[in-house]
Amino acid sequence: MRTRLAVLSLLAVVAVILVLPSRAAAWGKDGHAIVGKIADKYLSDKARAASKELLADDQFKSLADERLPNWADAIRSSGMFRKKYPDIAMWHYIDVDVDVPLDKLKITDYTKDGKCVLDATKHF
């Protein structure tokens, strides 16, 4: 009886663990690199010139350099950057209501607390 109860308990624990959501990798390194290459391909001449100017003295030379689209992920967990910018983890995204129709979506409605990627650009 005890053995059966132990086995059932173990199975219940395993079942709960299997149904718990796991942390999604979301885009991952490859996804970010692909988005960067697509973005680089479709930049307007004006945007390409601005990008080139911004990256002139940088190790990254274009959005197609797969290290650049992954840079935010790489530094987000850095102790040095977290100390200097405590909200850095939230600077990677903007939380919006997915039920709002796109034609009625106002990004500024979601950036009032200053803790998103759009507001983070004001620091630099």
PDB file of N, CA and C in Angstrom:
ATOM      1  N   MET A   1       0.813  -1.186   0.000  1.00  0.00           N
ATOM      2  CA  MET A   1       0.000   0.000   0.000  1.00  0.00           C
ATOM      3  C   MET A   1       0.867   1.264   0.000  1.00  0.00           C
ATOM      4  N   ARG A   2       1.898   1.275   0.877  1.00  0.00           N
ATOM      5  CA  ARG A   2       2.793   2.433   0.933  1.00  0.00           C
ATOM      6  C   ARG A   2       3.521   2.641  -0.383  1.00  0.00           C
ATOM      7  N   THR A   3       3.967   1.550  -0.980  1.00  0.00           N
ATOM      8  CA  THR A   3       4.690   1.637  -2.245  1.00  0.00           C
ATOM      9  C   THR A   3       3.785   2.205  -3.328  1.00  0.00           C
ATOM     10  N   ARG A   4       2.561   1.755  -3.346  1.00  0.00           N
ATOM     11  CA  ARG A   4       1.604   2.233  -4.347  1.00  0.00           C
ATOM     12  C   ARG A   4       1.340   3.735  -4.152  1.00  0.00           C
ATOM     13  N   LEU A   5       1.189   4.173  -2.925  1.00  0.00           N
ATOM     14  CA  LEU A   5       0.964   5.575  -2.617  1.00  0.00           C
ATOM     15  C   LEU A   5       2.179   6.417  -3.015  1.00  0.00           C
ATOM     16  N   ALA A   6       3.371   5.895  -2.763  1.00  0.00           N
ATOM     17  CA  ALA A   6       4.605   6.597  -3.135  1.00  0.00           C
ATOM     18  C   ALA A   6       4.705   6.739  -4.651  1.00  0.00           C
ATOM     19  N   VAL A   7       4.375   5.681  -5.370  1.00  0.00           N
ATOM     20  CA  VAL A   7       4.433   5.709  -6.839  1.00  0.00           C
ATOM     21  C   VAL A   7       3.409   6.700  -7.379  1.00  0.00           C
ATOM     22  N   LEU A   8       2.195   6.680  -6.834  1.00  0.00           N
ATOM     23  CA  LEU A   8       1.155   7.619  -7.273  1.00  0.00           C
ATOM     24  C   LEU A   8       1.555   9.063  -6.975  1.00  0.00           C
ATOM     25  N   SER A   9       2.160   9.287  -5.822  1.00  0.00           N
ATOM     26  CA  SER A   9       2.624  10.631  -5.466  1.00  0.00           C
ATOM     27  C   SER A   9       3.706  11.105  -6.431  1.00  0.00           C
ATOM     28  N   LEU A  10       4.628  10.211  -6.733  1.00  0.00           N
ATOM     29  CA  LEU A  10       5.699  10.540  -7.668  1.00  0.00           C
ATOM     30  C   LEU A  10       5.135  10.855  -9.050  1.00  0.00           C
ATOM     31  N   LEU A  11       4.178  10.051  -9.503  1.00  0.00           N
ATOM     32  CA  LEU A  11       3.551  10.299 -10.808  1.00  0.00           C
ATOM     33  C   LEU A  11       2.811  11.636 -10.818  1.00  0.00           C
ATOM     34  N   ALA A  12       2.158  11.959  -9.710  1.00  0.00           N
ATOM     35  CA  ALA A  12       1.452  13.233  -9.626  1.00  0.00           C
ATOM     36  C   ALA A  12       2.426  14.407  -9.715  1.00  0.00           C
ATOM     37  N   VAL A  13       3.556  14.303  -9.029  1.00  0.00           N
ATOM     38  CA  VAL A  13       4.573  15.357  -9.070  1.00  0.00           C
ATOM     39  C   VAL A  13       5.124  15.506 -10.484  1.00  0.00           C
ATOM     40  N   VAL A  14       5.432  14.396 -11.132  1.00  0.00           N
ATOM     41  CA  VAL A  14       5.955  14.420 -12.506  1.00  0.00           C
ATOM     42  C   VAL A  14       4.926  15.040 -13.450  1.00  0.00           C
ATOM     43  N   ALA A  15       3.659  14.664 -13.286  1.00  0.00           N
ATOM     44  CA  ALA A  15       2.599  15.214 -14.138  1.00  0.00           C
ATOM     45  C   ALA A  15       2.484  16.724 -13.975  1.00  0.00           C
ATOM     46  N   VAL A  16       2.556  17.208 -12.742  1.00  0.00           N
ATOM     47  CA  VAL A  16       2.476  18.649 -12.491  1.00  0.00           C
ATOM     48  C   VAL A  16       3.657  19.361 -13.134  1.00  0.00           C
ATOM     49  N   ILE A  17       4.842  18.805 -12.995  1.00  0.00           N
ATOM     50  CA  ILE A  17       6.039  19.420 -13.586  1.00  0.00           C
ATOM     51  C   ILE A  17       5.914  19.479 -15.107  1.00  0.00           C
ATOM     52  N   LEU A  18       5.386  18.429 -15.706  1.00  0.00           N
ATOM     53  CA  LEU A  18       5.272  18.384 -17.162  1.00  0.00           C
ATOM     54  C   LEU A  18       4.250  19.374 -17.705  1.00  0.00           C
ATOM     55  N   VAL A  19       3.227  19.689 -16.937  1.00  0.00           N
ATOM     56  CA  VAL A  19       2.212  20.608 -17.448  1.00  0.00           C
ATOM     57  C   VAL A  19       2.506  22.061 -17.100  1.00  0.00           C
ATOM     58  N   LEU A  20       3.465  22.327 -16.220  1.00  0.00           N
ATOM     59  CA  LEU A  20       3.831  23.707 -15.903  1.00  0.00           C
ATOM     60  C   LEU A  20       4.469  24.347 -17.127  1.00  0.00           C
ATOM     61  N   PRO A  21       4.149  25.586 -17.375  1.00  0.00           N
ATOM     62  CA  PRO A  21       4.767  26.239 -18.533  1.00  0.00           C
ATOM     63  C   PRO A  21       6.260  26.421 -18.313  1.00  0.00           C
ATOM     64  N   SER A  22       7.014  26.169 -19.349  1.00  0.00           N
ATOM     65  CA  SER A  22       8.456  26.385 -19.258  1.00  0.00           C
ATOM     66  C   SER A  22       8.782  27.741 -19.857  1.00  0.00           C
ATOM     67  N   ARG A  23       9.935  28.243 -19.538  1.00  0.00           N
ATOM     68  CA  ARG A  23      10.348  29.545 -20.061  1.00  0.00           C
ATOM     69  C   ARG A  23      10.590  29.412 -21.558  1.00  0.00           C
ATOM     70  N   ALA A  24       9.909  30.210 -22.315  1.00  0.00           N
ATOM     71  CA  ALA A  24      10.043  30.165 -23.771  1.00  0.00           C
ATOM     72  C   ALA A  24      11.324  30.865 -24.197  1.00  0.00           C
ATOM     73  N   ALA A  25      11.961  30.342 -25.202  1.00  0.00           N
ATOM     74  CA  ALA A  25      13.171  30.962 -25.729  1.00  0.00           C
ATOM     75  C   ALA A  25      12.823  32.140 -26.633  1.00  0.00           C
ATOM     76  N   ALA A  26      11.539  32.296 -26.918  1.00  0.00           N
ATOM     77  CA  ALA A  26      11.055  33.358 -27.783  1.00  0.00           C
ATOM     78  C   ALA A  26      11.842  33.378 -29.087  1.00  0.00           C
ATOM     79  N   TRP A  27      12.436  34.496 -29.418  1.00  0.00           N
ATOM     80  CA  TRP A  27      13.150  34.590 -30.689  1.00  0.00           C
ATOM     81  C   TRP A  27      14.466  33.824 -30.659  1.00  0.00           C
ATOM     82  N   GLY A  28      15.155  33.872 -29.560  1.00  0.00           N
ATOM     83  CA  GLY A  28      16.457  33.231 -29.490  1.00  0.00           C
ATOM     84  C   GLY A  28      17.471  33.948 -30.357  1.00  0.00           C
ATOM     85  N   LYS A  29      18.707  33.465 -30.311  1.00  0.00           N
ATOM     86  CA  LYS A  29      19.792  34.106 -31.073  1.00  0.00           C
ATOM     87  C   LYS A  29      19.527  34.086 -32.575  1.00  0.00           C
ATOM     88  N   ASP A  30      19.107  32.942 -33.078  1.00  0.00           N
ATOM     89  CA  ASP A  30      18.878  32.835 -34.524  1.00  0.00           C
ATOM     90  C   ASP A  30      17.741  33.745 -34.978  1.00  0.00           C
ATOM     91  N   GLY A  31      16.663  33.787 -34.190  1.00  0.00           N
ATOM     92  CA  GLY A  31      15.531  34.638 -34.554  1.00  0.00           C
ATOM     93  C   GLY A  31      15.900  36.105 -34.588  1.00  0.00           C
ATOM     94  N   HIS A  32      16.663  36.560 -33.584  1.00  0.00           N
ATOM     95  CA  HIS A  32      17.106  37.952 -33.567  1.00  0.00           C
ATOM     96  C   HIS A  32      18.016  38.239 -34.768  1.00  0.00           C
ATOM     97  N   ALA A  33      18.908  37.310 -35.083  1.00  0.00           N
ATOM     98  CA  ALA A  33      19.825  37.506 -36.211  1.00  0.00           C
ATOM     99  C   ALA A  33      19.053  37.592 -37.533  1.00  0.00           C
ATOM    100  N   ILE A  34      18.056  36.741 -37.693  1.00  0.00           N
ATOM    101  CA  ILE A  34      17.249  36.748 -38.920  1.00  0.00           C
ATOM    102  C   ILE A  34      16.487  38.060 -39.049  1.00  0.00           C
ATOM    103  N   VAL A  35      15.877  38.516 -37.954  1.00  0.00           N
ATOM    104  CA  VAL A  35      15.153  39.793 -37.981  1.00  0.00           C
ATOM    105  C   VAL A  35      16.110  40.937 -38.332  1.00  0.00           C
ATOM    106  N   GLY A  36      17.317  40.912 -37.767  1.00  0.00           N
ATOM    107  CA  GLY A  36      18.297  41.945 -38.087  1.00  0.00           C
ATOM    108  C   GLY A  36      18.665  41.954 -39.565  1.00  0.00           C
ATOM    109  N   LYS A  37      18.848  40.776 -40.141  1.00  0.00           N
ATOM    110  CA  LYS A  37      19.189  40.691 -41.570  1.00  0.00           C
ATOM    111  C   LYS A  37      18.037  41.159 -42.448  1.00  0.00           C
ATOM    112  N   ILE A  38      16.814  40.798 -42.067  1.00  0.00           N
ATOM    113  CA  ILE A  38      15.643  41.248 -42.838  1.00  0.00           C
ATOM    114  C   ILE A  38      15.510  42.765 -42.726  1.00  0.00           C
ATOM    115  N   ALA A  39      15.650  43.287 -41.510  1.00  0.00           N
ATOM    116  CA  ALA A  39      15.554  44.737 -41.314  1.00  0.00           C
ATOM    117  C   ALA A  39      16.620  45.460 -42.126  1.00  0.00           C
ATOM    118  N   ASP A  40      17.843  44.935 -42.116  1.00  0.00           N
ATOM    119  CA  ASP A  40      18.932  45.558 -42.863  1.00  0.00           C
ATOM    120  C   ASP A  40      18.629  45.586 -44.360  1.00  0.00           C
ATOM    121  N   LYS A  41      18.050  44.526 -44.839  1.00  0.00           N
ATOM    122  CA  LYS A  41      17.736  44.428 -46.272  1.00  0.00           C
ATOM    123  C   LYS A  41      16.703  45.472 -46.693  1.00  0.00           C
ATOM    124  N   TYR A  42      15.766  45.794 -45.814  1.00  0.00           N
ATOM    125  CA  TYR A  42      14.669  46.679 -46.178  1.00  0.00           C
ATOM    126  C   TYR A  42      14.807  48.113 -45.659  1.00  0.00           C
ATOM    127  N   LEU A  43      15.975  48.482 -45.154  1.00  0.00           N
ATOM    128  CA  LEU A  43      16.184  49.865 -44.709  1.00  0.00           C
ATOM    129  C   LEU A  43      16.081  50.823 -45.892  1.00  0.00           C
ATOM    130  N   SER A  44      15.449  51.957 -45.656  1.00  0.00           N
ATOM    131  CA  SER A  44      15.443  52.996 -46.682  1.00  0.00           C
ATOM    132  C   SER A  44      16.861  53.570 -46.758  1.00  0.00           C
ATOM    133  N   ASP A  45      17.150  54.314 -47.801  1.00  0.00           N
ATOM    134  CA  ASP A  45      18.474  54.929 -47.927  1.00  0.00           C
ATOM    135  C   ASP A  45      18.759  55.853 -46.743  1.00  0.00           C
ATOM    136  N   LYS A  46      17.730  56.607 -46.323  1.00  0.00           N
ATOM    137  CA  LYS A  46      17.886  57.530 -45.195  1.00  0.00           C
ATOM    138  C   LYS A  46      18.168  56.748 -43.905  1.00  0.00           C
ATOM    139  N   ALA A  47      17.416  55.684 -43.682  1.00  0.00           N
ATOM    140  CA  ALA A  47      17.614  54.872 -42.471  1.00  0.00           C
ATOM    141  C   ALA A  47      18.976  54.181 -42.502  1.00  0.00           C
ATOM    142  N   ARG A  48      19.403  53.715 -43.678  1.00  0.00           N
ATOM    143  CA  ARG A  48      20.708  53.064 -43.807  1.00  0.00           C
ATOM    144  C   ARG A  48      21.832  54.052 -43.493  1.00  0.00           C
ATOM    145  N   ALA A  49      21.690  55.279 -43.978  1.00  0.00           N
ATOM    146  CA  ALA A  49      22.703  56.312 -43.702  1.00  0.00           C
ATOM    147  C   ALA A  49      22.747  56.622 -42.203  1.00  0.00           C
ATOM    148  N   ALA A  50      21.583  56.727 -41.570  1.00  0.00           N
ATOM    149  CA  ALA A  50      21.534  57.001 -40.130  1.00  0.00           C
ATOM    150  C   ALA A  50      22.136  55.844 -39.342  1.00  0.00           C
ATOM    151  N   SER A  51      21.829  54.625 -39.750  1.00  0.00           N
ATOM    152  CA  SER A  51      22.374  53.447 -39.092  1.00  0.00           C
ATOM    153  C   SER A  51      23.895  53.404 -39.233  1.00  0.00           C
ATOM    154  N   LYS A  52      24.366  53.706 -40.424  1.00  0.00           N
ATOM    155  CA  LYS A  52      25.812  53.725 -40.673  1.00  0.00           C
ATOM    156  C   LYS A  52      26.490  54.784 -39.802  1.00  0.00           C
ATOM    157  N   GLU A  53      25.841  55.941 -39.667  1.00  0.00           N
ATOM    158  CA  GLU A  53      26.395  57.010 -38.833  1.00  0.00           C
ATOM    159  C   GLU A  53      26.433  56.585 -37.359  1.00  0.00           C
ATOM    160  N   LEU A  54      25.354  55.979 -36.882  1.00  0.00           N
ATOM    161  CA  LEU A  54      25.303  55.526 -35.491  1.00  0.00           C
ATOM    162  C   LEU A  54      26.364  54.478 -35.186  1.00  0.00           C
ATOM    163  N   LEU A  55      26.644  53.620 -36.152  1.00  0.00           N
ATOM    164  CA  LEU A  55      27.573  52.513 -35.942  1.00  0.00           C
ATOM    165  C   LEU A  55      28.987  52.806 -36.434  1.00  0.00           C
ATOM    166  N   ALA A  56      29.250  54.041 -36.826  1.00  0.00           N
ATOM    167  CA  ALA A  56      30.544  54.397 -37.427  1.00  0.00           C
ATOM    168  C   ALA A  56      31.740  53.970 -36.582  1.00  0.00           C
ATOM    169  N   ASP A  57      31.703  54.226 -35.295  1.00  0.00           N
ATOM    170  CA  ASP A  57      32.841  53.904 -34.432  1.00  0.00           C
ATOM    171  C   ASP A  57      32.593  52.652 -33.595  1.00  0.00           C
ATOM    172  N   ASP A  58      31.690  51.812 -34.045  1.00  0.00           N
ATOM    173  CA  ASP A  58      31.292  50.642 -33.273  1.00  0.00           C
ATOM    174  C   ASP A  58      31.848  49.368 -33.903  1.00  0.00           C
ATOM    175  N   GLN A  59      31.880  48.311 -33.109  1.00  0.00           N
ATOM    176  CA  GLN A  59      32.328  47.022 -33.629  1.00  0.00           C
ATOM    177  C   GLN A  59      31.303  46.429 -34.591  1.00  0.00           C
ATOM    178  N   PHE A  60      30.031  46.822 -34.438  1.00  0.00           N
ATOM    179  CA  PHE A  60      28.985  46.335 -35.329  1.00  0.00           C
ATOM    180  C   PHE A  60      28.867  47.301 -36.499  1.00  0.00           C
ATOM    181  N   LYS A  61      28.798  46.793 -37.699  1.00  0.00           N
ATOM    182  CA  LYS A  61      28.754  47.684 -38.858  1.00  0.00           C
ATOM    183  C   LYS A  61      27.377  47.756 -39.509  1.00  0.00           C
ATOM    184  N   SER A  62      26.475  46.816 -39.163  1.00  0.00           N
ATOM    185  CA  SER A  62      25.123  46.867 -39.727  1.00  0.00           C
ATOM    186  C   SER A  62      24.201  45.966 -38.915  1.00  0.00           C
ATOM    187  N   LEU A  63      22.906  46.109 -39.168  1.00  0.00           N
ATOM    188  CA  LEU A  63      21.931  45.239 -38.506  1.00  0.00           C
ATOM    189  C   LEU A  63      22.103  43.785 -38.942  1.00  0.00           C
ATOM    190  N   ALA A  64      22.747  43.574 -40.080  1.00  0.00           N
ATOM    191  CA  ALA A  64      22.956  42.217 -40.583  1.00  0.00           C
ATOM    192  C   ALA A  64      24.019  41.463 -39.774  1.00  0.00           C
ATOM    193  N   ASP A  65      24.831  42.193 -39.013  1.00  0.00           N
ATOM    194  CA  ASP A  65      25.810  41.550 -38.133  1.00  0.00           C
ATOM    195  C   ASP A  65      25.024  40.895 -37.008  1.00  0.00           C
ATOM    196  N   GLU A  66      24.987  39.581 -36.970  1.00  0.00           N
ATOM    197  CA  GLU A  66      24.097  38.889 -36.033  1.00  0.00           C
ATOM    198  C   GLU A  66      24.399  39.174 -34.565  1.00  0.00           C
ATOM    199  N   ARG A  67      25.551  39.720 -34.266  1.00  0.00           N
ATOM    200  CA  ARG A  67      25.851  40.074 -32.878  1.00  0.00           C
ATOM    201  C   ARG A  67      25.042  41.283 -32.420  1.00  0.00           C
ATOM    202  N   LEU A  68      24.778  42.222 -33.324  1.00  0.00           N
ATOM    203  CA  LEU A  68      24.066  43.444 -32.959  1.00  0.00           C
ATOM    204  C   LEU A  68      22.624  43.186 -32.512  1.00  0.00           C
ATOM    205  N   PRO A  69      21.816  42.436 -33.272  1.00  0.00           N
ATOM    206  CA  PRO A  69      20.447  42.191 -32.808  1.00  0.00           C
ATOM    207  C   PRO A  69      20.391  41.380 -31.507  1.00  0.00           C
ATOM    208  N   ASN A  70      21.460  40.713 -31.147  1.00  0.00           N
ATOM    209  CA  ASN A  70      21.501  39.917 -29.919  1.00  0.00           C
ATOM    210  C   ASN A  70      22.153  40.659 -28.751  1.00  0.00           C
ATOM    211  N   TRP A  71      22.651  41.863 -29.000  1.00  0.00           N
ATOM    212  CA  TRP A  71      23.379  42.608 -27.985  1.00  0.00           C
ATOM    213  C   TRP A  71      22.531  42.868 -26.746  1.00  0.00           C
ATOM    214  N   ALA A  72      21.273  43.272 -26.922  1.00  0.00           N
ATOM    215  CA  ALA A  72      20.416  43.583 -25.769  1.00  0.00           C
ATOM    216  C   ALA A  72      20.230  42.356 -24.877  1.00  0.00           C
ATOM    217  N   ASP A  73      20.088  41.186 -25.487  1.00  0.00           N
ATOM    218  CA  ASP A  73      19.970  39.956 -24.696  1.00  0.00           C
ATOM    219  C   ASP A  73      21.269  39.672 -23.952  1.00  0.00           C
ATOM    220  N   ALA A  74      22.382  39.932 -24.602  1.00  0.00           N
ATOM    221  CA  ALA A  74      23.684  39.627 -24.007  1.00  0.00           C
ATOM    222  C   ALA A  74      23.967  40.487 -22.782  1.00  0.00           C
ATOM    223  N   ILE A  75      23.637  41.766 -22.839  1.00  0.00           N
ATOM    224  CA  ILE A  75      23.953  42.649 -21.711  1.00  0.00           C
ATOM    225  C   ILE A  75      22.865  42.679 -20.641  1.00  0.00           C
ATOM    226  N   ARG A  76      21.682  42.208 -20.999  1.00  0.00           N
ATOM    227  CA  ARG A  76      20.547  42.286 -20.065  1.00  0.00           C
ATOM    228  C   ARG A  76      20.828  41.586 -18.745  1.00  0.00           C
ATOM    229  N   SER A  77      21.608  40.534 -18.782  1.00  0.00           N
ATOM    230  CA  SER A  77      21.898  39.799 -17.541  1.00  0.00           C
ATOM    231  C   SER A  77      23.251  40.185 -16.935  1.00  0.00           C
ATOM    232  N   SER A  78      23.896  41.172 -17.502  1.00  0.00           N
ATOM    233  CA  SER A  78      25.194  41.629 -17.000  1.00  0.00           C
ATOM    234  C   SER A  78      25.028  42.364 -15.673  1.00  0.00           C
ATOM    235  N   GLY A  79      25.777  41.954 -14.668  1.00  0.00           N
ATOM    236  CA  GLY A  79      25.718  42.606 -13.363  1.00  0.00           C
ATOM    237  C   GLY A  79      26.078  44.075 -13.437  1.00  0.00           C
ATOM    238  N   MET A  80      27.065  44.406 -14.254  1.00  0.00           N
ATOM    239  CA  MET A  80      27.500  45.792 -14.386  1.00  0.00           C
ATOM    240  C   MET A  80      26.365  46.663 -14.937  1.00  0.00           C
ATOM    241  N   PHE A  81      25.711  46.190 -15.994  1.00  0.00           N
ATOM    242  CA  PHE A  81      24.630  46.969 -16.587  1.00  0.00           C
ATOM    243  C   PHE A  81      23.413  47.016 -15.667  1.00  0.00           C
ATOM    244  N   ARG A  82      23.119  45.917 -14.965  1.00  0.00           N
ATOM    245  CA  ARG A  82      21.978  45.907 -14.036  1.00  0.00           C
ATOM    246  C   ARG A  82      22.185  46.898 -12.899  1.00  0.00           C
ATOM    247  N   LYS A  83      23.433  47.033 -12.459  1.00  0.00           N
ATOM    248  CA  LYS A  83      23.722  47.982 -11.380  1.00  0.00           C
ATOM    249  C   LYS A  83      23.546  49.418 -11.871  1.00  0.00           C
ATOM    250  N   LYS A  84      24.044  49.692 -13.058  1.00  0.00           N
ATOM    251  CA  LYS A  84      23.965  51.038 -13.611  1.00  0.00           C
ATOM    252  C   LYS A  84      22.548  51.382 -14.066  1.00  0.00           C
ATOM    253  N   TYR A  85      21.846  50.392 -14.638  1.00  0.00           N
ATOM    254  CA  TYR A  85      20.487  50.588 -15.154  1.00  0.00           C
ATOM    255  C   TYR A  85      19.578  49.501 -14.565  1.00  0.00           C
ATOM    256  N   PRO A  86      19.024  49.713 -13.380  1.00  0.00           N
ATOM    257  CA  PRO A  86      18.238  48.679 -12.700  1.00  0.00           C
ATOM    258  C   PRO A  86      17.047  48.145 -13.508  1.00  0.00           C
ATOM    259  N   ASP A  87      16.508  48.951 -14.422  1.00  0.00           N
ATOM    260  CA  ASP A  87      15.343  48.527 -15.208  1.00  0.00           C
ATOM    261  C   ASP A  87      15.715  47.925 -16.557  1.00  0.00           C
ATOM    262  N   ILE A  88      16.971  47.571 -16.740  1.00  0.00           N
ATOM    263  CA  ILE A  88      17.444  47.122 -18.043  1.00  0.00           C
ATOM    264  C   ILE A  88      16.681  45.915 -18.589  1.00  0.00           C
ATOM    265  N   ALA A  89      16.253  45.015 -17.738  1.00  0.00           N
ATOM    266  CA  ALA A  89      15.525  43.831 -18.219  1.00  0.00           C
ATOM    267  C   ALA A  89      14.204  44.225 -18.879  1.00  0.00           C
ATOM    268  N   MET A  90      13.581  45.291 -18.401  1.00  0.00           N
ATOM    269  CA  MET A  90      12.304  45.742 -18.969  1.00  0.00           C
ATOM    270  C   MET A  90      12.493  46.577 -20.233  1.00  0.00           C
ATOM    271  N   TRP A  91      13.715  46.974 -20.517  1.00  0.00           N
ATOM    272  CA  TRP A  91      13.971  47.784 -21.696  1.00  0.00           C
ATOM    273  C   TRP A  91      13.952  46.964 -22.977  1.00  0.00           C
ATOM    274  N   HIS A  92      13.707  45.702 -22.864  1.00  0.00           N
ATOM    275  CA  HIS A  92      13.767  44.814 -24.020  1.00  0.00           C
ATOM    276  C   HIS A  92      12.426  44.691 -24.735  1.00  0.00           C
ATOM    277  N   TYR A  93      11.385  45.248 -24.175  1.00  0.00           N
ATOM    278  CA  TYR A  93      10.055  45.032 -24.739  1.00  0.00           C
ATOM    279  C   TYR A  93       9.108  46.148 -24.325  1.00  0.00           C
ATOM    280  N   ILE A  94       7.924  46.140 -24.905  1.00  0.00           N
ATOM    281  CA  ILE A  94       6.810  46.982 -24.482  1.00  0.00           C
ATOM    282  C   ILE A  94       5.618  46.047 -24.324  1.00  0.00           C
ATOM    283  N   ASP A  95       4.996  46.047 -23.168  1.00  0.00           N
ATOM    284  CA  ASP A  95       3.789  45.255 -22.957  1.00  0.00           C
ATOM    285  C   ASP A  95       2.590  46.036 -23.478  1.00  0.00           C
ATOM    286  N   VAL A  96       1.891  45.461 -24.433  1.00  0.00           N
ATOM    287  CA  VAL A  96       0.684  46.107 -24.958  1.00  0.00           C
ATOM    288  C   VAL A  96      -0.494  45.156 -24.828  1.00  0.00           C
ATOM    289  N   ASP A  97      -1.672  45.694 -24.862  1.00  0.00           N
ATOM    290  CA  ASP A  97      -2.891  44.895 -24.813  1.00  0.00           C
ATOM    291  C   ASP A  97      -3.096  44.262 -26.183  1.00  0.00           C
ATOM    292  N   VAL A  98      -2.988  42.960 -26.263  1.00  0.00           N
ATOM    293  CA  VAL A  98      -3.090  42.277 -27.559  1.00  0.00           C
ATOM    294  C   VAL A  98      -4.508  42.279 -28.113  1.00  0.00           C
ATOM    295  N   ASP A  99      -5.478  42.660 -27.309  1.00  0.00           N
ATOM    296  CA  ASP A  99      -6.860  42.701 -27.775  1.00  0.00           C
ATOM    297  C   ASP A  99      -7.237  44.043 -28.413  1.00  0.00           C
ATOM    298  N   VAL A 100      -6.345  45.023 -28.328  1.00  0.00           N
ATOM    299  CA  VAL A 100      -6.618  46.325 -28.936  1.00  0.00           C
ATOM    300  C   VAL A 100      -6.369  46.219 -30.435  1.00  0.00           C
ATOM    301  N   PRO A 101      -7.345  46.637 -31.255  1.00  0.00           N
ATOM    302  CA  PRO A 101      -7.126  46.616 -32.715  1.00  0.00           C
ATOM    303  C   PRO A 101      -5.922  47.494 -33.086  1.00  0.00           C
ATOM    304  N   LEU A 102      -5.146  47.068 -34.052  1.00  0.00           N
ATOM    305  CA  LEU A 102      -3.931  47.797 -34.429  1.00  0.00           C
ATOM    306  C   LEU A 102      -4.199  49.251 -34.796  1.00  0.00           C
ATOM    307  N   ASP A 103      -5.334  49.518 -35.437  1.00  0.00           N
ATOM    308  CA  ASP A 103      -5.611  50.905 -35.829  1.00  0.00           C
ATOM    309  C   ASP A 103      -5.951  51.799 -34.639  1.00  0.00           C
ATOM    310  N   LYS A 104      -6.196  51.206 -33.478  1.00  0.00           N
ATOM    311  CA  LYS A 104      -6.493  51.981 -32.269  1.00  0.00           C
ATOM    312  C   LYS A 104      -5.356  51.914 -31.238  1.00  0.00           C
ATOM    313  N   LEU A 105      -4.318  51.170 -31.559  1.00  0.00           N
ATOM    314  CA  LEU A 105      -3.201  50.990 -30.628  1.00  0.00           C
ATOM    315  C   LEU A 105      -2.321  52.233 -30.594  1.00  0.00           C
ATOM    316  N   LYS A 106      -2.128  52.790 -29.408  1.00  0.00           N
ATOM    317  CA  LYS A 106      -1.237  53.944 -29.214  1.00  0.00           C
ATOM    318  C   LYS A 106      -0.125  53.481 -28.280  1.00  0.00           C
ATOM    319  N   ILE A 107       1.054  53.311 -28.822  1.00  0.00           N
ATOM    320  CA  ILE A 107       2.191  52.818 -28.039  1.00  0.00           C
ATOM    321  C   ILE A 107       2.444  53.706 -26.825  1.00  0.00           C
ATOM    322  N   THR A 108       2.248  54.994 -26.971  1.00  0.00           N
ATOM    323  CA  THR A 108       2.517  55.904 -25.858  1.00  0.00           C
ATOM    324  C   THR A 108       1.633  55.622 -24.638  1.00  0.00           C
ATOM    325  N   ASP A 109       0.497  54.970 -24.843  1.00  0.00           N
ATOM    326  CA  ASP A 109      -0.360  54.599 -23.707  1.00  0.00           C
ATOM    327  C   ASP A 109       0.312  53.557 -22.820  1.00  0.00           C
ATOM    328  N   TYR A 110       1.305  52.860 -23.351  1.00  0.00           N
ATOM    329  CA  TYR A 110       1.949  51.764 -22.627  1.00  0.00           C
ATOM    330  C   TYR A 110       3.355  52.100 -22.153  1.00  0.00           C
ATOM    331  N   THR A 111       3.768  53.346 -22.330  1.00  0.00           N
ATOM    332  CA  THR A 111       5.155  53.693 -22.005  1.00  0.00           C
ATOM    333  C   THR A 111       5.262  54.794 -20.954  1.00  0.00           C
ATOM    334  N   LYS A 112       4.222  55.048 -20.220  1.00  0.00           N
ATOM    335  CA  LYS A 112       4.216  56.157 -19.266  1.00  0.00           C
ATOM    336  C   LYS A 112       5.135  55.952 -18.061  1.00  0.00           C
ATOM    337  N   ASP A 113       5.445  54.730 -17.720  1.00  0.00           N
ATOM    338  CA  ASP A 113       6.278  54.514 -16.531  1.00  0.00           C
ATOM    339  C   ASP A 113       7.769  54.600 -16.826  1.00  0.00           C
ATOM    340  N   GLY A 114       8.144  54.762 -18.093  1.00  0.00           N
ATOM    341  CA  GLY A 114       9.547  54.916 -18.446  1.00  0.00           C
ATOM    342  C   GLY A 114      10.367  53.646 -18.358  1.00  0.00           C
ATOM    343  N   LYS A 115       9.707  52.505 -18.295  1.00  0.00           N
ATOM    344  CA  LYS A 115      10.431  51.248 -18.129  1.00  0.00           C
ATOM    345  C   LYS A 115      10.181  50.306 -19.309  1.00  0.00           C
ATOM    346  N   CYS A 116      10.438  50.795 -20.520  1.00  0.00           N
ATOM    347  CA  CYS A 116      10.298  49.953 -21.704  1.00  0.00           C
ATOM    348  C   CYS A 116      11.369  50.359 -22.718  1.00  0.00           C
ATOM    349  N   VAL A 117      11.442  49.628 -23.800  1.00  0.00           N
ATOM    350  CA  VAL A 117      12.475  49.873 -24.797  1.00  0.00           C
ATOM    351  C   VAL A 117      12.362  51.264 -25.421  1.00  0.00           C
ATOM    352  N   LEU A 118      11.151  51.725 -25.637  1.00  0.00           N
ATOM    353  CA  LEU A 118      10.965  53.045 -26.247  1.00  0.00           C
ATOM    354  C   LEU A 118      11.514  54.152 -25.356  1.00  0.00           C
ATOM    355  N   ASP A 119      11.217  54.085 -24.071  1.00  0.00           N
ATOM    356  CA  ASP A 119      11.719  55.097 -23.141  1.00  0.00           C
ATOM    357  C   ASP A 119      13.211  54.921 -22.863  1.00  0.00           C
ATOM    358  N   ALA A 120      13.711  53.704 -22.954  1.00  0.00           N
ATOM    359  CA  ALA A 120      15.127  53.454 -22.699  1.00  0.00           C
ATOM    360  C   ALA A 120      16.013  54.188 -23.698  1.00  0.00           C
ATOM    361  N   THR A 121      15.529  54.375 -24.918  1.00  0.00           N
ATOM    362  CA  THR A 121      16.341  55.063 -25.924  1.00  0.00           C
ATOM    363  C   THR A 121      16.636  56.500 -25.523  1.00  0.00           C
ATOM    364  N   LYS A 122      15.834  57.058 -24.624  1.00  0.00           N
ATOM    365  CA  LYS A 122      16.050  58.427 -24.168  1.00  0.00           C
ATOM    366  C   LYS A 122      17.283  58.551 -23.268  1.00  0.00           C
ATOM    367  N   HIS A 123      17.767  57.417 -22.758  1.00  0.00           N
ATOM    368  CA  HIS A 123      18.944  57.435 -21.898  1.00  0.00           C
ATOM    369  C   HIS A 123      20.249  57.558 -22.678  1.00  0.00           C
ATOM    370  N   PHE A 124      20.175  57.351 -23.980  1.00  0.00           N
ATOM    371  CA  PHE A 124      21.417  57.261 -24.746  1.00  0.00           C
ATOM    372  C   PHE A 124      21.473  58.265 -25.844  1.00  0.00           C
TER     373      PHE A 124
END
